[in-house]
Amino acid sequence: MDAASAQESGRLTFRDAVEGDVPALVALIESAYRGDASRAGWTTEADILQGQRTDPDGVRRVVEAAGSRLLVVERDGVIVACCQLEHRGDAAYFGMFAVRPELQGAGLGKVIIAEAERTVREGWGVSEMHMTVISLRDELIAWYERRGYRRTGELSPFPYGDERFGIPQRDDLAFELLVKDLTTTGAAVTR
């Protein structure tokens, strides 16, 4: 199912986050990546990072920032996913992507990322989508590669010592930039 048919069926709705969504979005993001609840899904970082993934101030900054959107995905009025979209010149940045752990692996992520790409291509006219992923997350990076993203090899350091981003359980963490060309149609999307 593509993003348009998901919206038309009424099963999923997409909207911009508002201030009142912040507590629910923090809980969603935390549940998708940290702690025991995250182990129900496949995107958990619980083995490499403990502590928080984000906090209310971080989510609120994304909601309020100029050139930024926090896309909320609801099913039957319940928030099931979200992602950050930030306009950066000719590119958009994709971040804070979270799907409720019990819904991961059912194809929802593919629908959401396709809608995010459509949104930034049509709304901002950007030619690329950028994101950063912890370079050790091979399974997650492979999932993005199947969506048409490519590894750049460009690494940035993990913010060790800043517990707003979690408490590292390893000393070899770094972020890798992934990029997708949004100007081509029919980009590779597989299971």
N, C-alpha and C. Protein backbone atom coordinates (compact mmCIF):
# COMPACT_ATOMS: atom_id res chain seq x y z
N MET A 1 0.86 -1.18 0.00
CA MET A 1 0.00 0.00 0.00
C MET A 1 0.89 1.23 0.00
N ASP A 2 0.61 2.21 -0.85
CA ASP A 2 1.40 3.42 -0.85
C ASP A 2 0.76 4.46 0.07
N ALA A 3 1.46 5.59 0.26
CA ALA A 3 0.99 6.61 1.19
C ALA A 3 -0.38 7.16 0.79
N ALA A 4 -0.60 7.36 -0.51
CA ALA A 4 -1.88 7.92 -0.96
C ALA A 4 -3.03 6.98 -0.64
N SER A 5 -2.86 5.68 -0.93
CA SER A 5 -3.97 4.76 -0.65
C SER A 5 -4.16 4.58 0.84
N ALA A 6 -3.08 4.66 1.63
CA ALA A 6 -3.24 4.56 3.08
C ALA A 6 -4.05 5.74 3.60
N GLN A 7 -3.80 6.94 3.06
CA GLN A 7 -4.57 8.10 3.48
C GLN A 7 -6.01 8.00 3.01
N GLU A 8 -6.23 7.58 1.77
CA GLU A 8 -7.57 7.51 1.22
C GLU A 8 -8.42 6.48 1.94
N SER A 9 -7.81 5.40 2.42
CA SER A 9 -8.57 4.36 3.09
C SER A 9 -9.01 4.82 4.48
N GLY A 10 -8.44 5.92 4.96
CA GLY A 10 -8.78 6.40 6.28
C GLY A 10 -8.03 5.67 7.37
N ARG A 11 -7.22 4.72 7.00
CA ARG A 11 -6.49 3.95 8.00
C ARG A 11 -5.39 4.78 8.65
N LEU A 12 -4.68 5.58 7.86
CA LEU A 12 -3.62 6.43 8.38
C LEU A 12 -3.92 7.87 8.03
N THR A 13 -3.59 8.76 8.95
CA THR A 13 -3.65 10.19 8.66
C THR A 13 -2.31 10.80 9.03
N PHE A 14 -1.92 11.81 8.28
CA PHE A 14 -0.66 12.51 8.46
C PHE A 14 -0.97 13.96 8.78
N ARG A 15 -0.30 14.51 9.78
CA ARG A 15 -0.47 15.92 10.14
C ARG A 15 0.79 16.42 10.82
N ASP A 16 0.90 17.74 10.91
CA ASP A 16 2.02 18.34 11.63
C ASP A 16 1.75 18.29 13.13
N ALA A 17 2.80 18.04 13.89
CA ALA A 17 2.69 18.01 15.35
C ALA A 17 2.41 19.40 15.88
N VAL A 18 1.75 19.45 17.01
CA VAL A 18 1.50 20.68 17.75
C VAL A 18 2.04 20.50 19.17
N GLU A 19 2.14 21.58 19.89
CA GLU A 19 2.67 21.57 21.25
C GLU A 19 2.04 20.47 22.11
N GLY A 20 0.74 20.29 22.01
CA GLY A 20 0.05 19.30 22.83
C GLY A 20 0.45 17.86 22.54
N ASP A 21 1.11 17.62 21.41
CA ASP A 21 1.56 16.27 21.06
C ASP A 21 2.90 15.90 21.70
N VAL A 22 3.61 16.87 22.24
CA VAL A 22 4.98 16.63 22.69
C VAL A 22 5.09 15.45 23.66
N PRO A 23 4.30 15.37 24.73
CA PRO A 23 4.47 14.22 25.64
C PRO A 23 4.26 12.86 24.96
N ALA A 24 3.26 12.76 24.11
CA ALA A 24 3.00 11.49 23.42
C ALA A 24 4.12 11.16 22.44
N LEU A 25 4.69 12.17 21.79
CA LEU A 25 5.77 11.93 20.84
C LEU A 25 7.06 11.51 21.54
N VAL A 26 7.36 12.11 22.68
CA VAL A 26 8.53 11.70 23.45
C VAL A 26 8.37 10.23 23.86
N ALA A 27 7.19 9.87 24.36
CA ALA A 27 6.95 8.48 24.76
C ALA A 27 7.09 7.53 23.58
N LEU A 28 6.57 7.91 22.42
CA LEU A 28 6.68 7.08 21.22
C LEU A 28 8.14 6.87 20.82
N ILE A 29 8.89 7.95 20.74
CA ILE A 29 10.30 7.87 20.31
C ILE A 29 11.10 7.03 21.30
N GLU A 30 10.88 7.24 22.58
CA GLU A 30 11.59 6.45 23.60
C GLU A 30 11.24 4.97 23.46
N SER A 31 9.97 4.67 23.27
CA SER A 31 9.54 3.27 23.20
C SER A 31 10.09 2.56 21.97
N ALA A 32 10.35 3.29 20.90
CA ALA A 32 10.85 2.67 19.67
C ALA A 32 12.34 2.36 19.73
N TYR A 33 13.08 3.05 20.61
CA TYR A 33 14.53 2.92 20.59
C TYR A 33 15.19 2.50 21.89
N ARG A 34 14.58 2.78 23.02
CA ARG A 34 15.27 2.57 24.29
C ARG A 34 14.44 1.72 25.25
N GLY A 35 15.15 1.06 26.14
CA GLY A 35 14.50 0.29 27.19
C GLY A 35 13.89 -1.01 26.71
N ASP A 36 13.30 -1.73 27.64
CA ASP A 36 12.73 -3.04 27.34
C ASP A 36 11.58 -2.96 26.35
N ALA A 37 10.77 -1.90 26.40
CA ALA A 37 9.64 -1.78 25.47
C ALA A 37 10.13 -1.78 24.02
N SER A 38 11.30 -1.22 23.78
CA SER A 38 11.82 -1.13 22.41
C SER A 38 12.18 -2.49 21.84
N ARG A 39 12.40 -3.47 22.70
CA ARG A 39 12.80 -4.80 22.23
C ARG A 39 11.66 -5.53 21.51
N ALA A 40 10.44 -5.02 21.63
CA ALA A 40 9.31 -5.61 20.89
C ALA A 40 9.43 -5.33 19.40
N GLY A 41 10.16 -4.30 19.02
CA GLY A 41 10.39 -3.96 17.62
C GLY A 41 11.82 -4.27 17.23
N TRP A 42 12.16 -4.00 15.99
CA TRP A 42 13.50 -4.30 15.52
C TRP A 42 14.41 -3.09 15.45
N THR A 43 13.90 -1.89 15.79
CA THR A 43 14.73 -0.68 15.70
C THR A 43 15.41 -0.33 17.02
N THR A 44 15.31 -1.19 18.00
CA THR A 44 15.88 -0.89 19.32
C THR A 44 17.37 -0.56 19.26
N GLU A 45 17.76 0.37 20.10
CA GLU A 45 19.17 0.70 20.31
C GLU A 45 19.59 0.32 21.73
N ALA A 46 18.72 -0.42 22.42
CA ALA A 46 18.90 -0.71 23.84
C ALA A 46 20.24 -1.38 24.16
N ASP A 47 20.81 -2.12 23.21
CA ASP A 47 22.08 -2.80 23.49
C ASP A 47 23.30 -1.90 23.31
N ILE A 48 23.13 -0.78 22.61
CA ILE A 48 24.28 0.10 22.41
C ILE A 48 24.14 1.45 23.12
N LEU A 49 22.91 1.81 23.48
CA LEU A 49 22.66 3.08 24.17
C LEU A 49 21.60 2.88 25.24
N GLN A 50 21.84 3.45 26.38
CA GLN A 50 20.83 3.47 27.43
C GLN A 50 20.49 4.91 27.72
N GLY A 51 19.58 5.13 28.65
CA GLY A 51 19.16 6.50 28.94
C GLY A 51 18.16 6.95 27.91
N GLN A 52 18.03 8.25 27.76
CA GLN A 52 17.00 8.79 26.87
C GLN A 52 17.45 8.89 25.43
N ARG A 53 16.48 8.89 24.51
CA ARG A 53 16.73 9.14 23.09
C ARG A 53 16.46 10.61 22.79
N THR A 54 15.44 11.15 23.46
CA THR A 54 15.08 12.57 23.29
C THR A 54 14.41 13.04 24.57
N ASP A 55 13.99 14.27 24.58
CA ASP A 55 13.28 14.81 25.74
C ASP A 55 12.26 15.83 25.25
N PRO A 56 11.37 16.30 26.13
CA PRO A 56 10.35 17.25 25.69
C PRO A 56 10.92 18.51 25.03
N ASP A 57 12.02 19.03 25.54
CA ASP A 57 12.60 20.24 24.95
C ASP A 57 13.09 19.97 23.52
N GLY A 58 13.72 18.81 23.30
CA GLY A 58 14.21 18.48 21.97
C GLY A 58 13.07 18.33 20.96
N VAL A 59 12.00 17.66 21.37
CA VAL A 59 10.85 17.50 20.48
C VAL A 59 10.17 18.84 20.24
N ARG A 60 10.02 19.62 21.29
CA ARG A 60 9.39 20.93 21.16
C ARG A 60 10.16 21.84 20.20
N ARG A 61 11.50 21.77 20.26
CA ARG A 61 12.32 22.59 19.33
C ARG A 61 12.03 22.21 17.88
N VAL A 62 11.88 20.93 17.59
CA VAL A 62 11.57 20.49 16.23
C VAL A 62 10.18 20.98 15.82
N VAL A 63 9.23 20.88 16.72
CA VAL A 63 7.85 21.31 16.43
C VAL A 63 7.80 22.81 16.11
N GLU A 64 8.59 23.60 16.83
CA GLU A 64 8.50 25.06 16.72
C GLU A 64 9.48 25.67 15.72
N ALA A 65 10.49 24.97 15.29
CA ALA A 65 11.55 25.55 14.45
C ALA A 65 11.04 25.92 13.06
N ALA A 66 11.52 27.05 12.57
CA ALA A 66 11.23 27.45 11.20
C ALA A 66 11.92 26.46 10.25
N GLY A 67 11.26 26.10 9.17
CA GLY A 67 11.82 25.18 8.20
C GLY A 67 11.85 23.75 8.68
N SER A 68 11.06 23.45 9.69
CA SER A 68 11.04 22.11 10.26
C SER A 68 9.59 21.68 10.48
N ARG A 69 9.37 20.40 10.31
CA ARG A 69 8.05 19.81 10.58
C ARG A 69 8.27 18.50 11.32
N LEU A 70 7.39 18.22 12.24
CA LEU A 70 7.37 16.90 12.86
C LEU A 70 6.07 16.28 12.41
N LEU A 71 6.19 15.33 11.48
CA LEU A 71 5.03 14.69 10.88
C LEU A 71 4.51 13.62 11.83
N VAL A 72 3.24 13.71 12.20
CA VAL A 72 2.59 12.75 13.08
C VAL A 72 1.72 11.84 12.23
N VAL A 73 1.81 10.55 12.50
CA VAL A 73 1.02 9.56 11.79
C VAL A 73 0.05 8.93 12.80
N GLU A 74 -1.24 9.00 12.45
CA GLU A 74 -2.26 8.45 13.34
C GLU A 74 -3.07 7.37 12.64
N ARG A 75 -3.53 6.44 13.41
CA ARG A 75 -4.48 5.44 12.94
C ARG A 75 -5.63 5.45 13.95
N ASP A 76 -6.83 5.71 13.46
CA ASP A 76 -8.01 5.79 14.33
C ASP A 76 -7.80 6.75 15.49
N GLY A 77 -7.13 7.89 15.20
CA GLY A 77 -6.94 8.93 16.20
C GLY A 77 -5.83 8.66 17.20
N VAL A 78 -5.08 7.58 17.04
CA VAL A 78 -3.99 7.23 17.95
C VAL A 78 -2.67 7.43 17.21
N ILE A 79 -1.72 8.11 17.85
CA ILE A 79 -0.40 8.32 17.25
C ILE A 79 0.33 6.98 17.18
N VAL A 80 0.73 6.59 15.97
CA VAL A 80 1.44 5.32 15.78
C VAL A 80 2.86 5.51 15.27
N ALA A 81 3.18 6.71 14.78
CA ALA A 81 4.51 6.96 14.24
C ALA A 81 4.74 8.45 14.09
N CYS A 82 6.00 8.82 13.86
CA CYS A 82 6.34 10.21 13.59
C CYS A 82 7.68 10.27 12.87
N CYS A 83 7.95 11.42 12.27
CA CYS A 83 9.27 11.68 11.70
C CYS A 83 9.48 13.18 11.57
N GLN A 84 10.72 13.57 11.71
CA GLN A 84 11.13 14.97 11.58
C GLN A 84 11.52 15.23 10.13
N LEU A 85 11.09 16.35 9.61
CA LEU A 85 11.50 16.81 8.29
C LEU A 85 12.04 18.23 8.45
N GLU A 86 13.25 18.45 7.99
CA GLU A 86 13.87 19.77 8.13
C GLU A 86 14.39 20.21 6.77
N HIS A 87 14.05 21.42 6.37
CA HIS A 87 14.47 21.97 5.08
C HIS A 87 15.89 22.50 5.22
N ARG A 88 16.80 21.97 4.40
CA ARG A 88 18.21 22.37 4.43
C ARG A 88 18.66 22.67 3.01
N GLY A 89 18.21 23.79 2.46
CA GLY A 89 18.62 24.18 1.11
C GLY A 89 18.02 23.26 0.06
N ASP A 90 18.89 22.60 -0.73
CA ASP A 90 18.44 21.68 -1.78
C ASP A 90 18.08 20.30 -1.25
N ALA A 91 18.23 20.12 0.06
CA ALA A 91 17.96 18.81 0.66
C ALA A 91 17.01 18.97 1.84
N ALA A 92 16.45 17.86 2.24
CA ALA A 92 15.67 17.80 3.48
C ALA A 92 16.35 16.79 4.38
N TYR A 93 16.24 17.01 5.68
CA TYR A 93 16.78 16.07 6.66
C TYR A 93 15.62 15.28 7.25
N PHE A 94 15.81 13.97 7.35
CA PHE A 94 14.81 13.04 7.89
C PHE A 94 15.35 12.51 9.21
N GLY A 95 14.61 12.72 10.28
CA GLY A 95 15.07 12.26 11.59
C GLY A 95 13.90 11.95 12.51
N MET A 96 14.23 11.63 13.74
CA MET A 96 13.23 11.31 14.77
C MET A 96 12.16 10.34 14.25
N PHE A 97 12.56 9.40 13.43
CA PHE A 97 11.63 8.45 12.85
C PHE A 97 11.33 7.37 13.88
N ALA A 98 10.09 7.24 14.23
CA ALA A 98 9.69 6.24 15.23
C ALA A 98 8.35 5.64 14.85
N VAL A 99 8.28 4.32 14.97
CA VAL A 99 7.04 3.56 14.78
C VAL A 99 6.83 2.76 16.06
N ARG A 100 5.61 2.71 16.55
CA ARG A 100 5.35 1.92 17.75
C ARG A 100 5.93 0.52 17.59
N PRO A 101 6.67 0.03 18.59
CA PRO A 101 7.38 -1.25 18.45
C PRO A 101 6.49 -2.41 18.01
N GLU A 102 5.30 -2.50 18.52
CA GLU A 102 4.43 -3.63 18.17
C GLU A 102 3.91 -3.56 16.73
N LEU A 103 4.09 -2.42 16.07
CA LEU A 103 3.66 -2.25 14.68
C LEU A 103 4.81 -2.34 13.69
N GLN A 104 6.03 -2.45 14.20
CA GLN A 104 7.19 -2.52 13.32
C GLN A 104 7.20 -3.85 12.57
N GLY A 105 7.69 -3.81 11.35
CA GLY A 105 7.80 -5.01 10.55
C GLY A 105 6.56 -5.33 9.73
N ALA A 106 5.55 -4.46 9.79
CA ALA A 106 4.29 -4.72 9.07
C ALA A 106 4.13 -3.82 7.84
N GLY A 107 5.18 -3.08 7.47
CA GLY A 107 5.11 -2.25 6.27
C GLY A 107 4.75 -0.80 6.52
N LEU A 108 4.46 -0.43 7.75
CA LEU A 108 4.08 0.94 8.07
C LEU A 108 5.24 1.91 7.79
N GLY A 109 6.45 1.51 8.12
CA GLY A 109 7.61 2.38 7.90
C GLY A 109 7.78 2.76 6.44
N LYS A 110 7.55 1.81 5.53
CA LYS A 110 7.68 2.09 4.09
C LYS A 110 6.67 3.15 3.66
N VAL A 111 5.45 3.06 4.17
CA VAL A 111 4.41 4.03 3.83
C VAL A 111 4.79 5.41 4.34
N ILE A 112 5.30 5.47 5.56
CA ILE A 112 5.63 6.75 6.18
C ILE A 112 6.81 7.41 5.48
N ILE A 113 7.87 6.67 5.19
CA ILE A 113 9.02 7.28 4.54
C ILE A 113 8.67 7.75 3.13
N ALA A 114 7.81 6.99 2.43
CA ALA A 114 7.36 7.43 1.10
C ALA A 114 6.56 8.72 1.20
N GLU A 115 5.72 8.84 2.20
CA GLU A 115 4.94 10.08 2.38
C GLU A 115 5.87 11.23 2.75
N ALA A 116 6.86 10.98 3.59
CA ALA A 116 7.83 12.02 3.96
C ALA A 116 8.58 12.51 2.73
N GLU A 117 9.01 11.59 1.89
CA GLU A 117 9.72 11.97 0.66
C GLU A 117 8.82 12.77 -0.27
N ARG A 118 7.59 12.35 -0.43
CA ARG A 118 6.64 13.08 -1.27
C ARG A 118 6.42 14.48 -0.71
N THR A 119 6.26 14.57 0.60
CA THR A 119 6.00 15.85 1.27
C THR A 119 7.12 16.85 1.02
N VAL A 120 8.37 16.44 1.19
CA VAL A 120 9.48 17.39 1.03
C VAL A 120 9.76 17.69 -0.43
N ARG A 121 9.54 16.71 -1.30
CA ARG A 121 9.75 16.93 -2.74
C ARG A 121 8.73 17.94 -3.25
N GLU A 122 7.47 17.74 -2.92
CA GLU A 122 6.41 18.63 -3.40
C GLU A 122 6.34 19.94 -2.62
N GLY A 123 6.56 19.90 -1.34
CA GLY A 123 6.42 21.10 -0.51
C GLY A 123 7.62 22.03 -0.55
N TRP A 124 8.81 21.46 -0.58
CA TRP A 124 10.02 22.27 -0.55
C TRP A 124 10.81 22.21 -1.85
N GLY A 125 10.46 21.34 -2.75
CA GLY A 125 11.16 21.22 -4.02
C GLY A 125 12.59 20.74 -3.89
N VAL A 126 12.88 19.96 -2.86
CA VAL A 126 14.25 19.50 -2.64
C VAL A 126 14.57 18.32 -3.55
N SER A 127 15.86 18.14 -3.80
CA SER A 127 16.28 17.06 -4.69
C SER A 127 16.85 15.86 -3.95
N GLU A 128 17.14 16.02 -2.65
CA GLU A 128 17.69 14.92 -1.87
C GLU A 128 17.09 14.87 -0.48
N MET A 129 17.08 13.65 0.08
CA MET A 129 16.74 13.47 1.49
C MET A 129 18.01 12.96 2.16
N HIS A 130 18.36 13.57 3.30
CA HIS A 130 19.52 13.17 4.08
C HIS A 130 19.07 12.64 5.43
N MET A 131 19.84 11.75 5.98
CA MET A 131 19.61 11.29 7.36
C MET A 131 20.94 10.80 7.90
N THR A 132 21.01 10.71 9.21
CA THR A 132 22.18 10.10 9.84
C THR A 132 21.71 8.91 10.67
N VAL A 133 22.49 7.84 10.62
CA VAL A 133 22.19 6.60 11.32
C VAL A 133 23.47 6.15 12.00
N ILE A 134 23.34 5.60 13.19
CA ILE A 134 24.51 5.06 13.87
C ILE A 134 25.12 3.99 12.96
N SER A 135 26.38 4.15 12.64
CA SER A 135 27.03 3.33 11.61
C SER A 135 27.04 1.84 11.94
N LEU A 136 26.90 1.46 13.18
CA LEU A 136 26.87 0.04 13.56
C LEU A 136 25.51 -0.62 13.31
N ARG A 137 24.51 0.17 12.97
CA ARG A 137 23.15 -0.35 12.82
C ARG A 137 22.96 -0.96 11.43
N ASP A 138 23.65 -2.05 11.17
CA ASP A 138 23.65 -2.66 9.84
C ASP A 138 22.25 -3.03 9.34
N GLU A 139 21.43 -3.62 10.18
CA GLU A 139 20.08 -4.03 9.76
C GLU A 139 19.23 -2.82 9.38
N LEU A 140 19.33 -1.77 10.18
CA LEU A 140 18.56 -0.55 9.90
C LEU A 140 19.08 0.13 8.62
N ILE A 141 20.39 0.21 8.46
CA ILE A 141 20.95 0.81 7.25
C ILE A 141 20.54 0.01 6.02
N ALA A 142 20.55 -1.31 6.13
CA ALA A 142 20.12 -2.15 5.00
C ALA A 142 18.67 -1.87 4.64
N TRP A 143 17.82 -1.63 5.64
CA TRP A 143 16.41 -1.31 5.39
C TRP A 143 16.32 -0.01 4.59
N TYR A 144 17.09 1.00 4.99
CA TYR A 144 17.10 2.27 4.25
C TYR A 144 17.66 2.09 2.84
N GLU A 145 18.67 1.26 2.69
CA GLU A 145 19.22 1.02 1.36
C GLU A 145 18.16 0.40 0.45
N ARG A 146 17.33 -0.46 0.99
CA ARG A 146 16.24 -1.05 0.18
C ARG A 146 15.19 0.00 -0.18
N ARG A 147 15.18 1.12 0.50
CA ARG A 147 14.29 2.24 0.18
C ARG A 147 14.96 3.21 -0.78
N GLY A 148 16.18 2.94 -1.24
CA GLY A 148 16.86 3.79 -2.20
C GLY A 148 17.91 4.72 -1.61
N TYR A 149 18.20 4.62 -0.31
CA TYR A 149 19.22 5.46 0.32
C TYR A 149 20.59 4.81 0.09
N ARG A 150 21.61 5.65 0.03
CA ARG A 150 22.96 5.12 -0.15
C ARG A 150 23.87 5.62 0.96
N ARG A 151 24.75 4.75 1.35
CA ARG A 151 25.75 5.12 2.35
C ARG A 151 26.77 6.05 1.70
N THR A 152 27.17 7.08 2.42
CA THR A 152 28.15 8.01 1.88
C THR A 152 29.54 7.78 2.44
N GLY A 153 29.63 7.08 3.56
CA GLY A 153 30.92 6.92 4.24
C GLY A 153 31.30 8.14 5.05
N GLU A 154 30.47 9.18 4.96
CA GLU A 154 30.73 10.41 5.72
C GLU A 154 30.25 10.22 7.15
N LEU A 155 31.19 10.23 8.09
CA LEU A 155 30.88 9.98 9.49
C LEU A 155 30.98 11.26 10.31
N SER A 156 30.14 11.35 11.32
CA SER A 156 30.23 12.43 12.31
C SER A 156 30.25 11.77 13.68
N PRO A 157 30.94 12.39 14.64
CA PRO A 157 31.10 11.75 15.94
C PRO A 157 29.80 11.67 16.74
N PHE A 158 29.68 10.63 17.54
CA PHE A 158 28.58 10.53 18.48
C PHE A 158 28.88 11.52 19.61
N PRO A 159 27.86 12.21 20.14
CA PRO A 159 28.09 13.20 21.20
C PRO A 159 28.31 12.56 22.58
N TYR A 160 29.44 11.87 22.72
CA TYR A 160 29.77 11.26 24.01
C TYR A 160 29.78 12.33 25.09
N GLY A 161 29.25 11.98 26.25
CA GLY A 161 29.23 12.91 27.38
C GLY A 161 27.98 13.76 27.44
N ASP A 162 27.18 13.78 26.40
CA ASP A 162 25.93 14.54 26.39
C ASP A 162 24.77 13.56 26.55
N GLU A 163 24.32 13.38 27.78
CA GLU A 163 23.31 12.37 28.08
C GLU A 163 21.95 12.66 27.47
N ARG A 164 21.78 13.84 26.85
CA ARG A 164 20.52 14.10 26.13
C ARG A 164 20.36 13.12 24.98
N PHE A 165 21.46 12.52 24.51
CA PHE A 165 21.43 11.60 23.39
C PHE A 165 21.61 10.15 23.84
N GLY A 166 21.65 9.93 25.13
CA GLY A 166 21.78 8.58 25.66
C GLY A 166 23.13 8.35 26.29
N ILE A 167 23.23 7.18 26.91
CA ILE A 167 24.46 6.77 27.58
C ILE A 167 25.05 5.61 26.77
N PRO A 168 26.12 5.87 26.05
CA PRO A 168 26.71 4.85 25.18
C PRO A 168 27.21 3.64 25.97
N GLN A 169 26.99 2.48 25.41
CA GLN A 169 27.48 1.23 25.99
C GLN A 169 28.70 0.72 25.23
N ARG A 170 29.14 1.49 24.26
CA ARG A 170 30.31 1.16 23.43
C ARG A 170 31.09 2.44 23.19
N ASP A 171 32.36 2.29 22.82
CA ASP A 171 33.19 3.47 22.56
C ASP A 171 33.46 3.70 21.07
N ASP A 172 32.71 3.00 20.20
CA ASP A 172 32.95 3.10 18.76
C ASP A 172 31.73 3.61 17.98
N LEU A 173 30.90 4.44 18.59
CA LEU A 173 29.70 4.94 17.94
C LEU A 173 30.00 6.17 17.10
N ALA A 174 29.40 6.22 15.92
CA ALA A 174 29.48 7.38 15.03
C ALA A 174 28.23 7.37 14.17
N PHE A 175 27.90 8.51 13.62
CA PHE A 175 26.76 8.63 12.71
C PHE A 175 27.26 8.63 11.27
N GLU A 176 26.55 7.91 10.40
CA GLU A 176 26.88 7.93 8.98
C GLU A 176 25.76 8.62 8.23
N LEU A 177 26.15 9.47 7.29
CA LEU A 177 25.19 10.17 6.45
C LEU A 177 24.69 9.23 5.36
N LEU A 178 23.36 9.10 5.23
CA LEU A 178 22.72 8.38 4.15
C LEU A 178 21.98 9.40 3.29
N VAL A 179 21.97 9.21 1.98
CA VAL A 179 21.37 10.18 1.06
C VAL A 179 20.51 9.44 0.03
N LYS A 180 19.39 10.05 -0.33
CA LYS A 180 18.56 9.52 -1.40
C LYS A 180 18.27 10.64 -2.39
N ASP A 181 18.43 10.34 -3.66
CA ASP A 181 18.09 11.26 -4.74
C ASP A 181 16.58 11.21 -4.93
N LEU A 182 15.91 12.34 -4.75
CA LEU A 182 14.46 12.40 -4.87
C LEU A 182 13.99 12.84 -6.26
N THR A 183 14.95 13.07 -7.15
CA THR A 183 14.55 13.54 -8.50
C THR A 183 14.21 12.39 -9.45
N THR A 184 14.62 11.19 -9.10
CA THR A 184 14.31 10.05 -9.96
C THR A 184 13.00 9.42 -9.50
N THR A 185 12.22 9.00 -10.44
CA THR A 185 10.98 8.34 -10.09
C THR A 185 11.19 6.84 -10.09
N GLY A 186 10.40 6.17 -9.30
CA GLY A 186 10.50 4.72 -9.24
C GLY A 186 11.78 4.24 -8.61
N ALA A 187 12.31 4.99 -7.61
CA ALA A 187 13.52 4.59 -6.93
C ALA A 187 13.32 3.20 -6.29
N ALA A 188 14.40 2.50 -6.13
CA ALA A 188 14.34 1.13 -5.62
C ALA A 188 13.66 1.05 -4.28
N VAL A 189 12.61 0.27 -4.21
CA VAL A 189 11.93 0.00 -2.96
C VAL A 189 11.60 -1.48 -2.96
N THR A 190 12.19 -2.18 -2.01
CA THR A 190 11.94 -3.61 -1.89
C THR A 190 11.60 -3.94 -0.45
N ARG A 191 11.33 -5.20 -0.24
CA ARG A 191 11.03 -5.64 1.13
C ARG A 191 12.27 -5.51 1.92
